Amino acid sequence: MSTEELNKIIAVKKMDLEECEQELNGRYYPSIVRVAMMNYIQVIQEQLEEFNLDIKK
């Protein structure tokens, strides 16, 4: 995968992460939904870390 492709993926994931965090903090959700959203946020953060490591190589 090229650096340009990785940068596009990272940009989309960052926007998704920001939107999820704002949604989670801005509204009330049942606990099971909050847990699922927090898990999704964690997955995105881990993916971003992996992409950042790939770019540095």
PDB file of N, CA and C in Angstrom:
ATOM      1  N   MET A   1       0.843  -1.173   0.000  1.00  0.00           N
ATOM      2  CA  MET A   1       0.000   0.000   0.000  1.00  0.00           C
ATOM      3  C   MET A   1       0.891   1.241   0.000  1.00  0.00           C
ATOM      4  N   SER A   2       0.522   2.199  -0.810  1.00  0.00           N
ATOM      5  CA  SER A   2       1.348   3.399  -0.915  1.00  0.00           C
ATOM      6  C   SER A   2       1.101   4.337   0.269  1.00  0.00           C
ATOM      7  N   THR A   3       2.015   5.256   0.454  1.00  0.00           N
ATOM      8  CA  THR A   3       1.891   6.236   1.532  1.00  0.00           C
ATOM      9  C   THR A   3       0.650   7.093   1.336  1.00  0.00           C
ATOM     10  N   GLU A   4       0.359   7.433   0.112  1.00  0.00           N
ATOM     11  CA  GLU A   4      -0.835   8.248  -0.182  1.00  0.00           C
ATOM     12  C   GLU A   4      -2.114   7.515   0.235  1.00  0.00           C
ATOM     13  N   GLU A   5      -2.193   6.227  -0.072  1.00  0.00           N
ATOM     14  CA  GLU A   5      -3.359   5.436   0.318  1.00  0.00           C
ATOM     15  C   GLU A   5      -3.476   5.354   1.835  1.00  0.00           C
ATOM     16  N   LEU A   6      -2.355   5.136   2.504  1.00  0.00           N
ATOM     17  CA  LEU A   6      -2.372   5.087   3.965  1.00  0.00           C
ATOM     18  C   LEU A   6      -2.818   6.420   4.565  1.00  0.00           C
ATOM     19  N   ASN A   7      -2.361   7.512   4.003  1.00  0.00           N
ATOM     20  CA  ASN A   7      -2.756   8.828   4.500  1.00  0.00           C
ATOM     21  C   ASN A   7      -4.254   9.054   4.352  1.00  0.00           C
ATOM     22  N   LYS A   8      -4.836   8.587   3.254  1.00  0.00           N
ATOM     23  CA  LYS A   8      -6.285   8.713   3.056  1.00  0.00           C
ATOM     24  C   LYS A   8      -7.047   7.878   4.079  1.00  0.00           C
ATOM     25  N   ILE A   9      -6.582   6.664   4.309  1.00  0.00           N
ATOM     26  CA  ILE A   9      -7.222   5.788   5.294  1.00  0.00           C
ATOM     27  C   ILE A   9      -7.138   6.408   6.682  1.00  0.00           C
ATOM     28  N   ILE A  10      -5.976   6.929   7.014  1.00  0.00           N
ATOM     29  CA  ILE A  10      -5.779   7.556   8.322  1.00  0.00           C
ATOM     30  C   ILE A  10      -6.718   8.753   8.490  1.00  0.00           C
ATOM     31  N   ALA A  11      -6.857   9.560   7.461  1.00  0.00           N
ATOM     32  CA  ALA A  11      -7.731  10.735   7.536  1.00  0.00           C
ATOM     33  C   ALA A  11      -9.178  10.327   7.790  1.00  0.00           C
ATOM     34  N   VAL A  12      -9.640   9.304   7.102  1.00  0.00           N
ATOM     35  CA  VAL A  12     -11.016   8.834   7.289  1.00  0.00           C
ATOM     36  C   VAL A  12     -11.200   8.260   8.690  1.00  0.00           C
ATOM     37  N   LYS A  13     -10.238   7.479   9.147  1.00  0.00           N
ATOM     38  CA  LYS A  13     -10.337   6.880  10.486  1.00  0.00           C
ATOM     39  C   LYS A  13     -10.312   7.956  11.570  1.00  0.00           C
ATOM     40  N   LYS A  14      -9.505   8.992  11.390  1.00  0.00           N
ATOM     41  CA  LYS A  14      -9.459  10.081  12.364  1.00  0.00           C
ATOM     42  C   LYS A  14     -10.800  10.807  12.434  1.00  0.00           C
ATOM     43  N   MET A  15     -11.410  11.042  11.279  1.00  0.00           N
ATOM     44  CA  MET A  15     -12.727  11.682  11.265  1.00  0.00           C
ATOM     45  C   MET A  15     -13.763  10.795  11.948  1.00  0.00           C
ATOM     46  N   ASP A  16     -13.718   9.497  11.677  1.00  0.00           N
ATOM     47  CA  ASP A  16     -14.644   8.551  12.291  1.00  0.00           C
ATOM     48  C   ASP A  16     -14.446   8.523  13.797  1.00  0.00           C
ATOM     49  N   LEU A  17     -13.195   8.507  14.229  1.00  0.00           N
ATOM     50  CA  LEU A  17     -12.879   8.494  15.648  1.00  0.00           C
ATOM     51  C   LEU A  17     -13.421   9.742  16.334  1.00  0.00           C
ATOM     52  N   GLU A  18     -13.182  10.893  15.739  1.00  0.00           N
ATOM     53  CA  GLU A  18     -13.645  12.160  16.310  1.00  0.00           C
ATOM     54  C   GLU A  18     -15.172  12.185  16.409  1.00  0.00           C
ATOM     55  N   GLU A  19     -15.828  11.732  15.352  1.00  0.00           N
ATOM     56  CA  GLU A  19     -17.292  11.723  15.337  1.00  0.00           C
ATOM     57  C   GLU A  19     -17.847  10.784  16.410  1.00  0.00           C
ATOM     58  N   CYS A  20     -17.254   9.615  16.556  1.00  0.00           N
ATOM     59  CA  CYS A  20     -17.707   8.647  17.562  1.00  0.00           C
ATOM     60  C   CYS A  20     -17.516   9.193  18.975  1.00  0.00           C
ATOM     61  N   GLU A  21     -16.370   9.811  19.219  1.00  0.00           N
ATOM     62  CA  GLU A  21     -16.113  10.361  20.550  1.00  0.00           C
ATOM     63  C   GLU A  21     -17.098  11.479  20.872  1.00  0.00           C
ATOM     64  N   GLN A  22     -17.381  12.349  19.911  1.00  0.00           N
ATOM     65  CA  GLN A  22     -18.334  13.432  20.138  1.00  0.00           C
ATOM     66  C   GLN A  22     -19.729  12.876  20.378  1.00  0.00           C
ATOM     67  N   GLU A  23     -20.117  11.893  19.613  1.00  0.00           N
ATOM     68  CA  GLU A  23     -21.433  11.283  19.768  1.00  0.00           C
ATOM     69  C   GLU A  23     -21.559  10.605  21.130  1.00  0.00           C
ATOM     70  N   LEU A  24     -20.530   9.901  21.535  1.00  0.00           N
ATOM     71  CA  LEU A  24     -20.546   9.201  22.811  1.00  0.00           C
ATOM     72  C   LEU A  24     -20.649  10.180  23.981  1.00  0.00           C
ATOM     73  N   ASN A  25     -19.938  11.293  23.890  1.00  0.00           N
ATOM     74  CA  ASN A  25     -19.928  12.269  24.975  1.00  0.00           C
ATOM     75  C   ASN A  25     -21.115  13.226  24.934  1.00  0.00           C
ATOM     76  N   GLY A  26     -21.779  13.316  23.791  1.00  0.00           N
ATOM     77  CA  GLY A  26     -22.825  14.308  23.637  1.00  0.00           C
ATOM     78  C   GLY A  26     -24.241  13.806  23.869  1.00  0.00           C
ATOM     79  N   ARG A  27     -24.423  12.508  23.951  1.00  0.00           N
ATOM     80  CA  ARG A  27     -25.770  11.960  24.099  1.00  0.00           C
ATOM     81  C   ARG A  27     -25.785  10.841  25.119  1.00  0.00           C
ATOM     82  N   TYR A  28     -26.979  10.524  25.585  1.00  0.00           N
ATOM     83  CA  TYR A  28     -27.143   9.397  26.493  1.00  0.00           C
ATOM     84  C   TYR A  28     -27.387   8.145  25.657  1.00  0.00           C
ATOM     85  N   TYR A  29     -26.686   7.093  26.013  1.00  0.00           N
ATOM     86  CA  TYR A  29     -26.888   5.793  25.391  1.00  0.00           C
ATOM     87  C   TYR A  29     -26.956   4.741  26.488  1.00  0.00           C
ATOM     88  N   PRO A  30     -27.706   3.670  26.256  1.00  0.00           N
ATOM     89  CA  PRO A  30     -27.692   2.556  27.221  1.00  0.00           C
ATOM     90  C   PRO A  30     -26.266   2.018  27.363  1.00  0.00           C
ATOM     91  N   SER A  31     -25.986   1.419  28.492  1.00  0.00           N
ATOM     92  CA  SER A  31     -24.617   0.995  28.789  1.00  0.00           C
ATOM     93  C   SER A  31     -24.051   0.031  27.740  1.00  0.00           C
ATOM     94  N   ILE A  32     -24.853  -0.855  27.207  1.00  0.00           N
ATOM     95  CA  ILE A  32     -24.332  -1.815  26.227  1.00  0.00           C
ATOM     96  C   ILE A  32     -23.902  -1.098  24.947  1.00  0.00           C
ATOM     97  N   VAL A  33     -24.635  -0.057  24.580  1.00  0.00           N
ATOM     98  CA  VAL A  33     -24.272   0.724  23.399  1.00  0.00           C
ATOM     99  C   VAL A  33     -22.989   1.508  23.674  1.00  0.00           C
ATOM    100  N   ARG A  34     -22.869   2.064  24.873  1.00  0.00           N
ATOM    101  CA  ARG A  34     -21.662   2.805  25.248  1.00  0.00           C
ATOM    102  C   ARG A  34     -20.441   1.888  25.218  1.00  0.00           C
ATOM    103  N   VAL A  35     -20.590   0.681  25.719  1.00  0.00           N
ATOM    104  CA  VAL A  35     -19.483  -0.279  25.717  1.00  0.00           C
ATOM    105  C   VAL A  35     -19.079  -0.607  24.282  1.00  0.00           C
ATOM    106  N   ALA A  36     -20.058  -0.827  23.423  1.00  0.00           N
ATOM    107  CA  ALA A  36     -19.765  -1.145  22.021  1.00  0.00           C
ATOM    108  C   ALA A  36     -19.060   0.035  21.345  1.00  0.00           C
ATOM    109  N   MET A  37     -19.524   1.251  21.615  1.00  0.00           N
ATOM    110  CA  MET A  37     -18.897   2.432  21.009  1.00  0.00           C
ATOM    111  C   MET A  37     -17.479   2.622  21.528  1.00  0.00           C
ATOM    112  N   MET A  38     -17.275   2.411  22.819  1.00  0.00           N
ATOM    113  CA  MET A  38     -15.928   2.550  23.386  1.00  0.00           C
ATOM    114  C   MET A  38     -15.002   1.499  22.792  1.00  0.00           C
ATOM    115  N   ASN A  39     -15.519   0.290  22.579  1.00  0.00           N
ATOM    116  CA  ASN A  39     -14.717  -0.763  21.958  1.00  0.00           C
ATOM    117  C   ASN A  39     -14.351  -0.377  20.523  1.00  0.00           C
ATOM    118  N   TYR A  40     -15.306   0.166  19.792  1.00  0.00           N
ATOM    119  CA  TYR A  40     -15.050   0.597  18.420  1.00  0.00           C
ATOM    120  C   TYR A  40     -14.002   1.710  18.393  1.00  0.00           C
ATOM    121  N   ILE A  41     -14.096   2.652  19.307  1.00  0.00           N
ATOM    122  CA  ILE A  41     -13.117   3.734  19.409  1.00  0.00           C
ATOM    123  C   ILE A  41     -11.729   3.169  19.664  1.00  0.00           C
ATOM    124  N   GLN A  42     -11.652   2.190  20.548  1.00  0.00           N
ATOM    125  CA  GLN A  42     -10.367   1.573  20.856  1.00  0.00           C
ATOM    126  C   GLN A  42      -9.785   0.872  19.625  1.00  0.00           C
ATOM    127  N   VAL A  43     -10.622   0.195  18.866  1.00  0.00           N
ATOM    128  CA  VAL A  43     -10.173  -0.494  17.661  1.00  0.00           C
ATOM    129  C   VAL A  43      -9.623   0.517  16.654  1.00  0.00           C
ATOM    130  N   ILE A  44     -10.334   1.632  16.479  1.00  0.00           N
ATOM    131  CA  ILE A  44      -9.871   2.658  15.541  1.00  0.00           C
ATOM    132  C   ILE A  44      -8.526   3.226  15.999  1.00  0.00           C
ATOM    133  N   GLN A  45      -8.396   3.485  17.297  1.00  0.00           N
ATOM    134  CA  GLN A  45      -7.133   4.028  17.807  1.00  0.00           C
ATOM    135  C   GLN A  45      -5.982   3.065  17.557  1.00  0.00           C
ATOM    136  N   GLU A  46      -6.214   1.774  17.758  1.00  0.00           N
ATOM    137  CA  GLU A  46      -5.173   0.776  17.515  1.00  0.00           C
ATOM    138  C   GLU A  46      -4.812   0.720  16.029  1.00  0.00           C
ATOM    139  N   GLN A  47      -5.823   0.810  15.167  1.00  0.00           N
ATOM    140  CA  GLN A  47      -5.558   0.798  13.731  1.00  0.00           C
ATOM    141  C   GLN A  47      -4.736   2.024  13.324  1.00  0.00           C
ATOM    142  N   LEU A  48      -5.070   3.172  13.895  1.00  0.00           N
ATOM    143  CA  LEU A  48      -4.311   4.384  13.588  1.00  0.00           C
ATOM    144  C   LEU A  48      -2.857   4.250  14.016  1.00  0.00           C
ATOM    145  N   GLU A  49      -2.626   3.645  15.171  1.00  0.00           N
ATOM    146  CA  GLU A  49      -1.255   3.427  15.624  1.00  0.00           C
ATOM    147  C   GLU A  49      -0.503   2.521  14.645  1.00  0.00           C
ATOM    148  N   GLU A  50      -1.168   1.460  14.179  1.00  0.00           N
ATOM    149  CA  GLU A  50      -0.538   0.548  13.225  1.00  0.00           C
ATOM    150  C   GLU A  50      -0.220   1.263  11.911  1.00  0.00           C
ATOM    151  N   PHE A  51      -1.159   2.062  11.421  1.00  0.00           N
ATOM    152  CA  PHE A  51      -0.934   2.805  10.178  1.00  0.00           C
ATOM    153  C   PHE A  51       0.217   3.784  10.339  1.00  0.00           C
ATOM    154  N   ASN A  52       0.279   4.435  11.476  1.00  0.00           N
ATOM    155  CA  ASN A  52       1.373   5.387  11.711  1.00  0.00           C
ATOM    156  C   ASN A  52       2.712   4.670  11.727  1.00  0.00           C
ATOM    157  N   LEU A  53       2.753   3.469  12.278  1.00  0.00           N
ATOM    158  CA  LEU A  53       3.990   2.690  12.283  1.00  0.00           C
ATOM    159  C   LEU A  53       4.373   2.285  10.855  1.00  0.00           C
ATOM    160  N   ASP A  54       3.363   1.928  10.038  1.00  0.00           N
ATOM    161  CA  ASP A  54       3.633   1.533   8.647  1.00  0.00           C
ATOM    162  C   ASP A  54       4.210   2.706   7.857  1.00  0.00           C
ATOM    163  N   ILE A  55       3.708   3.905   8.119  1.00  0.00           N
ATOM    164  CA  ILE A  55       4.184   5.069   7.387  1.00  0.00           C
ATOM    165  C   ILE A  55       5.635   5.375   7.748  1.00  0.00           C
ATOM    166  N   LYS A  56       6.007   5.184   9.001  1.00  0.00           N
ATOM    167  CA  LYS A  56       7.357   5.510   9.458  1.00  0.00           C
ATOM    168  C   LYS A  56       8.403   4.563   8.901  1.00  0.00           C
ATOM    169  N   LYS A  57       7.984   3.383   8.450  1.00  0.00           N
ATOM    170  CA  LYS A  57       8.936   2.396   7.936  1.00  0.00           C
ATOM    171  C   LYS A  57       9.537   2.806   6.635  1.00  0.00           C
TER     172      LYS A  57
END
